[in-house]
Amino acid sequence: MCAREGVATGDVLRHDPARRATSDAAWLRAARLRQRAIALVNQGLDLPQSELARALGLTPAAVSLAMGAVEDARHDDPQLDRDMDELERLLRGEA
């Protein structure tokens, strides 16, 4: 997802999610990419949200919110929906 967005993975990792720097465009982009990564792992690897939350050190509610944000974005952006579908298939080894 980072490559498709033209963002280096290190740039995402540098932005601490706990900062909640919602007025910082780079932080918001990193947050969006983290949400998409959560959704990809959940859907592409069929990893339950509770296990994903535990593995990431997040609450189940945080994972659920990330999933909801991505689903909303997919409904609003057909290209994002296609990209997510393709990446999910790649994770499942279908493409």
Protein backbone atom coordinates (compact mmCIF):
# COMPACT_ATOMS: atom_id res chain seq x y z
CA MET A 1 0.00 0.00 0.00
CA CYS A 2 2.86 2.39 0.79
CA ALA A 3 4.40 1.80 -2.64
CA ARG A 4 1.09 2.46 -4.37
CA GLU A 5 0.73 5.71 -2.44
CA GLY A 6 4.34 6.74 -3.15
CA VAL A 7 5.21 6.79 0.55
CA ALA A 8 8.29 5.14 2.03
CA THR A 9 7.48 2.61 4.74
CA GLY A 10 9.97 4.35 7.02
CA ASP A 11 7.95 7.55 6.74
CA VAL A 12 4.90 5.75 8.11
CA LEU A 13 6.89 4.14 10.90
CA ARG A 14 8.35 7.50 11.96
CA HIS A 15 4.92 8.94 12.77
CA ASP A 16 3.92 7.79 16.25
CA PRO A 17 0.22 6.85 16.28
CA ALA A 18 -0.05 7.91 19.92
CA ARG A 19 0.75 11.54 19.02
CA ARG A 20 -2.68 12.00 17.42
CA ALA A 21 -1.25 14.83 15.37
CA THR A 22 -4.40 15.30 13.34
CA SER A 23 -3.33 18.72 12.07
CA ASP A 24 -0.16 17.24 10.53
CA ALA A 25 -0.77 16.08 6.93
CA ALA A 26 2.13 13.59 7.01
CA TRP A 27 0.87 12.09 10.27
CA LEU A 28 -2.64 11.77 8.82
CA ARG A 29 -1.29 10.03 5.71
CA ALA A 30 0.66 7.61 7.90
CA ALA A 31 -2.44 6.94 10.01
CA ARG A 32 -4.47 6.23 6.87
CA LEU A 33 -1.83 3.80 5.61
CA ARG A 34 -1.69 2.04 9.00
CA GLN A 35 -5.47 1.62 8.87
CA ARG A 36 -5.24 0.15 5.38
CA ALA A 37 -2.51 -2.25 6.48
CA ILE A 38 -4.73 -3.45 9.33
CA ALA A 39 -7.60 -4.02 6.91
CA LEU A 40 -5.34 -5.84 4.45
CA VAL A 41 -4.03 -8.24 7.08
CA ASN A 42 -7.53 -8.85 8.42
CA GLN A 43 -9.07 -9.50 5.01
CA GLY A 44 -6.12 -10.84 3.04
CA LEU A 45 -4.83 -13.22 5.69
CA ASP A 46 -8.20 -13.84 7.35
CA LEU A 47 -6.73 -12.89 10.72
CA PRO A 48 -9.46 -12.22 13.28
CA GLN A 49 -9.64 -8.66 14.54
CA SER A 50 -9.07 -9.78 18.13
CA GLU A 51 -5.82 -11.55 17.20
CA LEU A 52 -4.74 -8.61 15.09
CA ALA A 53 -5.38 -6.24 18.00
CA ARG A 54 -3.33 -8.42 20.33
CA ALA A 55 -0.45 -8.72 17.83
CA LEU A 56 -0.35 -4.95 17.28
CA GLY A 57 -0.83 -3.96 20.90
CA LEU A 58 -4.11 -2.23 20.09
CA THR A 59 -7.53 -2.51 21.59
CA PRO A 60 -10.14 -4.46 19.64
CA ALA A 61 -12.08 -1.19 19.40
CA ALA A 62 -9.10 0.52 17.71
CA VAL A 63 -8.90 -2.27 15.13
CA SER A 64 -12.63 -2.08 14.57
CA LEU A 65 -12.44 1.69 14.05
CA ALA A 66 -9.59 1.26 11.56
CA MET A 67 -11.58 -1.35 9.66
CA GLY A 68 -14.61 0.93 9.55
CA ALA A 69 -12.57 3.88 8.31
CA VAL A 70 -11.12 1.78 5.49
CA GLU A 71 -14.53 0.41 4.51
CA ASP A 72 -15.92 3.95 4.38
CA ALA A 73 -12.97 5.08 2.25
CA ARG A 74 -13.43 2.11 -0.10
CA HIS A 75 -17.05 3.06 -0.67
CA ASP A 76 -16.01 6.62 -1.53
CA ASP A 77 -12.99 5.75 -3.70
CA PRO A 78 -13.38 3.07 -6.40
CA GLN A 79 -9.63 3.07 -7.11
CA LEU A 80 -8.84 2.40 -3.46
CA ASP A 81 -11.41 -0.42 -3.50
CA ARG A 82 -9.73 -1.99 -6.54
CA ASP A 83 -6.27 -1.58 -5.00
CA MET A 84 -7.37 -3.14 -1.72
CA ASP A 85 -9.03 -6.06 -3.55
CA GLU A 86 -5.85 -6.67 -5.54
CA LEU A 87 -3.60 -6.52 -2.47
CA GLU A 88 -5.93 -8.85 -0.55
CA ARG A 89 -5.75 -11.36 -3.40
CA LEU A 90 -1.95 -11.09 -3.42
CA LEU A 91 -1.84 -11.80 0.33
CA ARG A 92 -4.03 -14.87 -0.19
CA GLY A 93 -1.74 -16.03 -3.01
CA GLU A 94 -4.50 -15.74 -5.61
CA ALA A 95 -2.80 -13.37 -8.03
